[in-house]
Amino acid sequence: MPSKKKIDDLDIQILKYLQNDARRSLKKLADKLKKKTSTIYHRLQRLKSNDVILGYSIIMNPGYLDIHKIGIHTIKIKPLNISSLDATFLSSFANFIKTEFSEVLFIGISEDSQAIHLISFHSSDKALNEFLTKLKENPYIANIESQYISEIVKGQKLFSFNEHWMKASVRHRKVKRESNQDESQVMEINLDDEFQDDEDIEETDEEQNNEDFDEEIRF
């Protein structure tokens, strides 16, 4: 395993520029920082080998994902009464949530309060209720407290690409589109019925007028 070195000002500058645009070429980055391309290359390799940079990702616009609700949840775990086991179990349970719930964006642990903190996204109230119901069915959970975010002011960079989110968003948009189409068809049918009723009324009035006219002729 390579020896870890302290991060210096140049490393911080490299990370800063890559955070804003990870596609920036080595030459552009070197020119911006007024360093040799080889220097930037070796610094990046060192940052990767020391696990400072774990990878690169794209940032999704949360507005495009058609997210209906973003929830912040605090999950209280039932104590096992053995402190060492509690800490181990808390970590294991957090990893269980990570594996089982792809709609969970963030997971944090508070060992002092025996709690797990989550940030989750949901495309509909139904999806949110199913998520909470599944969590509450777990026998190791003592309590769940939830709050919901109405607007994201800072933190859009948390929304890196997630296949589950994209598929859920596409499904939700499709359902909304089909629902709108159904409503349009219902409106067209209702309008057709109204027009048909108007035609029936006109025909009835015309027939009545003809009958009245015939009666006048008989007189």
C-alpha atoms as a PDB file:
ATOM      1  CA  MET A   1       0.000   0.000   0.000  1.00  0.00           C
ATOM      2  CA  PRO A   2       1.475   3.392  -0.981  1.00  0.00           C
ATOM      3  CA  SER A   3       2.504   5.699   1.813  1.00  0.00           C
ATOM      4  CA  LYS A   4       0.074   8.505   2.457  1.00  0.00           C
ATOM      5  CA  LYS A   5       1.327  12.054   2.198  1.00  0.00           C
ATOM      6  CA  LYS A   6      -0.218  15.227   3.464  1.00  0.00           C
ATOM      7  CA  ILE A   7      -2.386  17.219   1.096  1.00  0.00           C
ATOM      8  CA  ASP A   8      -0.802  20.555   0.244  1.00  0.00           C
ATOM      9  CA  ASP A   9      -2.097  23.742  -1.390  1.00  0.00           C
ATOM     10  CA  LEU A  10      -1.518  22.425  -4.924  1.00  0.00           C
ATOM     11  CA  ASP A  11      -3.575  19.303  -4.189  1.00  0.00           C
ATOM     12  CA  ILE A  12      -6.372  21.483  -2.836  1.00  0.00           C
ATOM     13  CA  GLN A  13      -6.315  23.645  -5.976  1.00  0.00           C
ATOM     14  CA  ILE A  14      -6.450  20.550  -8.192  1.00  0.00           C
ATOM     15  CA  LEU A  15      -9.400  19.149  -6.225  1.00  0.00           C
ATOM     16  CA  LYS A  16     -11.170  22.510  -6.339  1.00  0.00           C
ATOM     17  CA  TYR A  17     -10.974  22.740 -10.128  1.00  0.00           C
ATOM     18  CA  LEU A  18     -11.915  19.084 -10.645  1.00  0.00           C
ATOM     19  CA  GLN A  19     -14.929  19.498  -8.377  1.00  0.00           C
ATOM     20  CA  ASN A  20     -16.266  22.188 -10.704  1.00  0.00           C
ATOM     21  CA  ASP A  21     -15.388  20.266 -13.867  1.00  0.00           C
ATOM     22  CA  ALA A  22     -13.907  16.762 -13.639  1.00  0.00           C
ATOM     23  CA  ARG A  23     -13.612  16.645 -17.454  1.00  0.00           C
ATOM     24  CA  ARG A  24     -10.974  19.381 -17.472  1.00  0.00           C
ATOM     25  CA  SER A  25      -7.927  18.190 -19.428  1.00  0.00           C
ATOM     26  CA  LEU A  26      -4.524  17.874 -17.769  1.00  0.00           C
ATOM     27  CA  LYS A  27      -3.117  20.584 -20.032  1.00  0.00           C
ATOM     28  CA  LYS A  28      -5.887  23.066 -19.203  1.00  0.00           C
ATOM     29  CA  LEU A  29      -5.547  22.261 -15.518  1.00  0.00           C
ATOM     30  CA  ALA A  30      -1.763  22.682 -15.684  1.00  0.00           C
ATOM     31  CA  ASP A  31      -2.095  25.983 -17.564  1.00  0.00           C
ATOM     32  CA  LYS A  32      -4.642  27.252 -15.041  1.00  0.00           C
ATOM     33  CA  LEU A  33      -2.408  26.379 -12.099  1.00  0.00           C
ATOM     34  CA  LYS A  34       0.779  27.408 -13.950  1.00  0.00           C
ATOM     35  CA  LYS A  35       2.392  24.006 -13.466  1.00  0.00           C
ATOM     36  CA  LYS A  36       3.850  21.368 -15.774  1.00  0.00           C
ATOM     37  CA  THR A  37       1.407  18.797 -17.147  1.00  0.00           C
ATOM     38  CA  SER A  38       3.600  16.007 -15.753  1.00  0.00           C
ATOM     39  CA  THR A  39       3.362  17.555 -12.268  1.00  0.00           C
ATOM     40  CA  ILE A  40      -0.445  17.615 -12.394  1.00  0.00           C
ATOM     41  CA  TYR A  41      -0.510  14.045 -13.723  1.00  0.00           C
ATOM     42  CA  HIS A  42       1.641  12.678 -10.877  1.00  0.00           C
ATOM     43  CA  ARG A  43      -0.351  14.639  -8.292  1.00  0.00           C
ATOM     44  CA  LEU A  44      -3.604  13.142  -9.602  1.00  0.00           C
ATOM     45  CA  GLN A  45      -2.146   9.632  -9.537  1.00  0.00           C
ATOM     46  CA  ARG A  46      -1.058  10.149  -5.938  1.00  0.00           C
ATOM     47  CA  LEU A  47      -4.475  11.497  -4.921  1.00  0.00           C
ATOM     48  CA  LYS A  48      -6.098   8.414  -6.462  1.00  0.00           C
ATOM     49  CA  SER A  49      -3.669   5.902  -4.953  1.00  0.00           C
ATOM     50  CA  ASN A  50      -4.112   7.482  -1.510  1.00  0.00           C
ATOM     51  CA  ASP A  51      -7.918   7.224  -1.846  1.00  0.00           C
ATOM     52  CA  VAL A  52      -8.345  10.988  -1.719  1.00  0.00           C
ATOM     53  CA  ILE A  53     -10.078  10.775  -5.111  1.00  0.00           C
ATOM     54  CA  LEU A  54     -12.362   7.737  -5.159  1.00  0.00           C
ATOM     55  CA  GLY A  55     -13.769   8.317  -8.625  1.00  0.00           C
ATOM     56  CA  TYR A  56     -15.560  10.723 -10.935  1.00  0.00           C
ATOM     57  CA  SER A  57     -19.279  11.164 -11.404  1.00  0.00           C
ATOM     58  CA  ILE A  58     -21.826  13.364 -13.146  1.00  0.00           C
ATOM     59  CA  ILE A  59     -24.218  15.601 -11.220  1.00  0.00           C
ATOM     60  CA  MET A  60     -27.893  15.301 -12.101  1.00  0.00           C
ATOM     61  CA  ASN A  61     -30.272  18.232 -12.097  1.00  0.00           C
ATOM     62  CA  PRO A  62     -32.755  17.234  -9.334  1.00  0.00           C
ATOM     63  CA  GLY A  63     -35.490  19.128 -11.189  1.00  0.00           C
ATOM     64  CA  TYR A  64     -35.220  16.728 -14.141  1.00  0.00           C
ATOM     65  CA  LEU A  65     -35.648  13.705 -11.881  1.00  0.00           C
ATOM     66  CA  ASP A  66     -39.226  14.770 -11.173  1.00  0.00           C
ATOM     67  CA  ILE A  67     -38.711  14.088  -7.474  1.00  0.00           C
ATOM     68  CA  HIS A  68     -41.972  14.453  -5.583  1.00  0.00           C
ATOM     69  CA  LYS A  69     -40.535  14.410  -2.062  1.00  0.00           C
ATOM     70  CA  ILE A  70     -37.123  14.378  -0.418  1.00  0.00           C
ATOM     71  CA  GLY A  71     -37.231  12.991   3.099  1.00  0.00           C
ATOM     72  CA  ILE A  72     -34.848  13.281   6.038  1.00  0.00           C
ATOM     73  CA  HIS A  73     -35.388  10.340   8.384  1.00  0.00           C
ATOM     74  CA  THR A  74     -33.996   9.489  11.808  1.00  0.00           C
ATOM     75  CA  ILE A  75     -34.254   5.788  12.598  1.00  0.00           C
ATOM     76  CA  LYS A  76     -33.919   4.700  16.208  1.00  0.00           C
ATOM     77  CA  ILE A  77     -32.596   1.161  16.582  1.00  0.00           C
ATOM     78  CA  LYS A  78     -33.634  -1.080  19.464  1.00  0.00           C
ATOM     79  CA  PRO A  79     -30.656  -1.437  21.855  1.00  0.00           C
ATOM     80  CA  LEU A  80     -28.960  -4.807  22.276  1.00  0.00           C
ATOM     81  CA  ASN A  81     -27.743  -3.820  25.786  1.00  0.00           C
ATOM     82  CA  ILE A  82     -24.127  -4.635  24.925  1.00  0.00           C
ATOM     83  CA  SER A  83     -22.279  -1.508  23.784  1.00  0.00           C
ATOM     84  CA  SER A  84     -19.768  -3.260  21.513  1.00  0.00           C
ATOM     85  CA  LEU A  85     -22.522  -5.246  19.802  1.00  0.00           C
ATOM     86  CA  ASP A  86     -24.676  -2.126  19.472  1.00  0.00           C
ATOM     87  CA  ALA A  87     -21.973  -0.294  17.509  1.00  0.00           C
ATOM     88  CA  THR A  88     -21.347  -3.302  15.256  1.00  0.00           C
ATOM     89  CA  PHE A  89     -25.042  -3.919  14.693  1.00  0.00           C
ATOM     90  CA  LEU A  90     -25.683  -0.241  13.926  1.00  0.00           C
ATOM     91  CA  SER A  91     -23.061  -0.324  11.183  1.00  0.00           C
ATOM     92  CA  SER A  92     -24.389  -3.618   9.803  1.00  0.00           C
ATOM     93  CA  PHE A  93     -27.949  -2.312   9.775  1.00  0.00           C
ATOM     94  CA  ALA A  94     -26.867   0.865   7.966  1.00  0.00           C
ATOM     95  CA  ASN A  95     -25.229  -1.297   5.287  1.00  0.00           C
ATOM     96  CA  PHE A  96     -28.424  -3.349   5.064  1.00  0.00           C
ATOM     97  CA  ILE A  97     -30.374  -0.149   4.297  1.00  0.00           C
ATOM     98  CA  LYS A  98     -27.739   0.828   1.731  1.00  0.00           C
ATOM     99  CA  THR A  99     -28.211  -2.497  -0.057  1.00  0.00           C
ATOM    100  CA  GLU A 100     -31.997  -2.796   0.194  1.00  0.00           C
ATOM    101  CA  PHE A 101     -33.164   0.754  -0.534  1.00  0.00           C
ATOM    102  CA  SER A 102     -31.809   2.308  -3.723  1.00  0.00           C
ATOM    103  CA  GLU A 103     -33.932   5.429  -3.136  1.00  0.00           C
ATOM    104  CA  VAL A 104     -31.720   6.322  -0.150  1.00  0.00           C
ATOM    105  CA  LEU A 105     -29.250   9.055  -1.056  1.00  0.00           C
ATOM    106  CA  PHE A 106     -27.334   9.451   2.210  1.00  0.00           C
ATOM    107  CA  ILE A 107     -26.793   7.293   5.310  1.00  0.00           C
ATOM    108  CA  GLY A 108     -25.135   8.475   8.522  1.00  0.00           C
ATOM    109  CA  ILE A 109     -24.725   6.868  11.944  1.00  0.00           C
ATOM    110  CA  SER A 110     -24.991   8.396  15.426  1.00  0.00           C
ATOM    111  CA  GLU A 111     -23.578   5.801  17.804  1.00  0.00           C
ATOM    112  CA  ASP A 112     -24.276   7.920  20.903  1.00  0.00           C
ATOM    113  CA  SER A 113     -28.006   8.054  20.189  1.00  0.00           C
ATOM    114  CA  GLN A 114     -28.248   4.618  18.542  1.00  0.00           C
ATOM    115  CA  ALA A 115     -29.694   6.218  15.426  1.00  0.00           C
ATOM    116  CA  ILE A 116     -29.274   6.064  11.668  1.00  0.00           C
ATOM    117  CA  HIS A 117     -29.957   9.182   9.592  1.00  0.00           C
ATOM    118  CA  LEU A 118     -31.176   8.935   6.002  1.00  0.00           C
ATOM    119  CA  ILE A 119     -31.926  11.221   3.091  1.00  0.00           C
ATOM    120  CA  SER A 120     -34.259   9.617   0.574  1.00  0.00           C
ATOM    121  CA  PHE A 121     -36.058  10.673  -2.588  1.00  0.00           C
ATOM    122  CA  HIS A 122     -39.470   9.546  -3.852  1.00  0.00           C
ATOM    123  CA  SER A 123     -41.347  10.128  -7.091  1.00  0.00           C
ATOM    124  CA  SER A 124     -44.805   9.940  -5.478  1.00  0.00           C
ATOM    125  CA  ASP A 125     -46.651   9.752  -2.158  1.00  0.00           C
ATOM    126  CA  LYS A 126     -47.295   6.074  -2.865  1.00  0.00           C
ATOM    127  CA  ALA A 127     -43.568   5.362  -3.258  1.00  0.00           C
ATOM    128  CA  LEU A 128     -42.836   7.257  -0.033  1.00  0.00           C
ATOM    129  CA  ASN A 129     -45.487   5.341   1.927  1.00  0.00           C
ATOM    130  CA  GLU A 130     -44.213   2.005   0.598  1.00  0.00           C
ATOM    131  CA  PHE A 131     -40.668   2.952   1.638  1.00  0.00           C
ATOM    132  CA  LEU A 132     -41.716   3.912   5.186  1.00  0.00           C
ATOM    133  CA  THR A 133     -43.992   0.879   5.551  1.00  0.00           C
ATOM    134  CA  LYS A 134     -41.182  -1.478   4.590  1.00  0.00           C
ATOM    135  CA  LEU A 135     -38.858   0.184   7.098  1.00  0.00           C
ATOM    136  CA  LYS A 136     -41.418   0.089   9.921  1.00  0.00           C
ATOM    137  CA  GLU A 137     -41.975  -3.634   9.372  1.00  0.00           C
ATOM    138  CA  ASN A 138     -38.377  -4.316  10.411  1.00  0.00           C
ATOM    139  CA  PRO A 139     -38.347  -5.709  13.985  1.00  0.00           C
ATOM    140  CA  TYR A 140     -35.058  -3.982  14.879  1.00  0.00           C
ATOM    141  CA  ILE A 141     -36.419  -0.468  14.323  1.00  0.00           C
ATOM    142  CA  ALA A 142     -37.860   1.212  17.416  1.00  0.00           C
ATOM    143  CA  ASN A 143     -39.004   4.481  15.847  1.00  0.00           C
ATOM    144  CA  ILE A 144     -38.794   6.582  12.670  1.00  0.00           C
ATOM    145  CA  GLU A 145     -39.037  10.377  12.577  1.00  0.00           C
ATOM    146  CA  SER A 146     -39.392  12.009   9.159  1.00  0.00           C
ATOM    147  CA  GLN A 147     -39.266  15.531   7.777  1.00  0.00           C
ATOM    148  CA  TYR A 148     -39.544  16.658   4.164  1.00  0.00           C
ATOM    149  CA  ILE A 149     -37.618  19.167   2.063  1.00  0.00           C
ATOM    150  CA  SER A 150     -39.643  21.554  -0.083  1.00  0.00           C
ATOM    151  CA  GLU A 151     -36.714  23.347  -1.745  1.00  0.00           C
ATOM    152  CA  ILE A 152     -33.012  22.628  -2.307  1.00  0.00           C
ATOM    153  CA  VAL A 153     -30.959  25.780  -1.696  1.00  0.00           C
ATOM    154  CA  LYS A 154     -27.544  24.103  -1.575  1.00  0.00           C
ATOM    155  CA  GLY A 155     -26.470  20.501  -2.061  1.00  0.00           C
ATOM    156  CA  GLN A 156     -27.416  19.738  -5.669  1.00  0.00           C
ATOM    157  CA  LYS A 157     -24.060  17.981  -6.013  1.00  0.00           C
ATOM    158  CA  LEU A 158     -25.388  15.171  -3.847  1.00  0.00           C
ATOM    159  CA  PHE A 159     -27.504  14.148  -6.824  1.00  0.00           C
ATOM    160  CA  SER A 160     -24.973  12.105  -8.756  1.00  0.00           C
ATOM    161  CA  PHE A 161     -26.303   9.770 -11.439  1.00  0.00           C
ATOM    162  CA  ASN A 162     -28.359   6.871 -10.112  1.00  0.00           C
ATOM    163  CA  GLU A 163     -29.939   4.298 -12.433  1.00  0.00           C
ATOM    164  CA  HIS A 164     -32.822   3.623 -10.029  1.00  0.00           C
ATOM    165  CA  TRP A 165     -33.668   7.328  -9.866  1.00  0.00           C
ATOM    166  CA  MET A 166     -33.672   7.680 -13.632  1.00  0.00           C
ATOM    167  CA  LYS A 167     -35.891   4.625 -14.127  1.00  0.00           C
ATOM    168  CA  ALA A 168     -38.258   5.769 -11.368  1.00  0.00           C
ATOM    169  CA  SER A 169     -38.397   9.241 -12.904  1.00  0.00           C
ATOM    170  CA  VAL A 170     -39.123   7.834 -16.373  1.00  0.00           C
ATOM    171  CA  ARG A 171     -41.870   5.587 -14.959  1.00  0.00           C
ATOM    172  CA  HIS A 172     -43.409   8.484 -13.045  1.00  0.00           C
ATOM    173  CA  ARG A 173     -43.371  10.742 -16.108  1.00  0.00           C
ATOM    174  CA  LYS A 174     -44.943   7.950 -18.174  1.00  0.00           C
ATOM    175  CA  VAL A 175     -47.730   7.458 -15.618  1.00  0.00           C
ATOM    176  CA  LYS A 176     -48.400  11.210 -15.536  1.00  0.00           C
ATOM    177  CA  ARG A 177     -48.439  11.355 -19.338  1.00  0.00           C
ATOM    178  CA  GLU A 178     -50.852   8.410 -19.582  1.00  0.00           C
ATOM    179  CA  SER A 179     -53.026   9.941 -16.860  1.00  0.00           C
ATOM    180  CA  ASN A 180     -53.154  13.238 -18.752  1.00  0.00           C
ATOM    181  CA  GLN A 181     -54.033  11.374 -21.953  1.00  0.00           C
ATOM    182  CA  ASP A 182     -56.843   9.520 -20.162  1.00  0.00           C
ATOM    183  CA  GLU A 183     -58.190  12.817 -18.817  1.00  0.00           C
ATOM    184  CA  SER A 184     -58.057  14.314 -22.312  1.00  0.00           C
ATOM    185  CA  GLN A 185     -59.936  11.331 -23.726  1.00  0.00           C
ATOM    186  CA  VAL A 186     -62.573  11.628 -20.998  1.00  0.00           C
ATOM    187  CA  MET A 187     -62.971  15.324 -21.806  1.00  0.00           C
ATOM    188  CA  GLU A 188     -63.327  14.517 -25.512  1.00  0.00           C
ATOM    189  CA  ILE A 189     -65.932  11.857 -24.729  1.00  0.00           C
ATOM    190  CA  ASN A 190     -67.822  14.271 -22.483  1.00  0.00           C
ATOM    191  CA  LEU A 191     -67.697  16.957 -25.151  1.00  0.00           C
ATOM    192  CA  ASP A 192     -68.930  14.450 -27.741  1.00  0.00           C
ATOM    193  CA  ASP A 193     -71.792  13.544 -25.400  1.00  0.00           C
ATOM    194  CA  GLU A 194     -72.659  17.214 -24.958  1.00  0.00           C
ATOM    195  CA  PHE A 195     -72.627  17.782 -28.704  1.00  0.00           C
ATOM    196  CA  GLN A 196     -74.756  14.672 -29.183  1.00  0.00           C
ATOM    197  CA  ASP A 197     -77.202  15.914 -26.537  1.00  0.00           C
ATOM    198  CA  ASP A 198     -77.400  19.269 -28.321  1.00  0.00           C
ATOM    199  CA  GLU A 199     -78.056  17.503 -31.617  1.00  0.00           C
ATOM    200  CA  ASP A 200     -80.757  15.355 -29.991  1.00  0.00           C
ATOM    201  CA  ILE A 201     -82.395  18.475 -28.536  1.00  0.00           C
ATOM    202  CA  GLU A 202     -82.261  20.212 -31.911  1.00  0.00           C
ATOM    203  CA  GLU A 203     -83.766  17.157 -33.623  1.00  0.00           C
ATOM    204  CA  THR A 204     -86.515  16.955 -30.979  1.00  0.00           C
ATOM    205  CA  ASP A 205     -87.289  20.667 -31.373  1.00  0.00           C
ATOM    206  CA  GLU A 206     -87.356  20.284 -35.143  1.00  0.00           C
ATOM    207  CA  GLU A 207     -89.701  17.285 -34.914  1.00  0.00           C
ATOM    208  CA  GLN A 208     -91.990  19.206 -32.544  1.00  0.00           C
ATOM    209  CA  ASN A 209     -92.047  22.181 -34.892  1.00  0.00           C
ATOM    210  CA  ASN A 210     -92.940  19.904 -37.798  1.00  0.00           C
ATOM    211  CA  GLU A 211     -95.757  18.340 -35.781  1.00  0.00           C
ATOM    212  CA  ASP A 212     -97.088  21.796 -34.840  1.00  0.00           C
ATOM    213  CA  PHE A 213     -96.899  22.840 -38.478  1.00  0.00           C
ATOM    214  CA  ASP A 214     -98.838  19.734 -39.567  1.00  0.00           C
ATOM    215  CA  GLU A 215    -101.512  20.443 -36.975  1.00  0.00           C
ATOM    216  CA  GLU A 216    -101.846  24.017 -38.213  1.00  0.00           C
ATOM    217  CA  ILE A 217    -102.344  22.736 -41.760  1.00  0.00           C
ATOM    218  CA  ARG A 218    -105.082  20.347 -40.598  1.00  0.00           C
ATOM    219  CA  PHE A 219    -106.960  23.233 -39.034  1.00  0.00           C
END
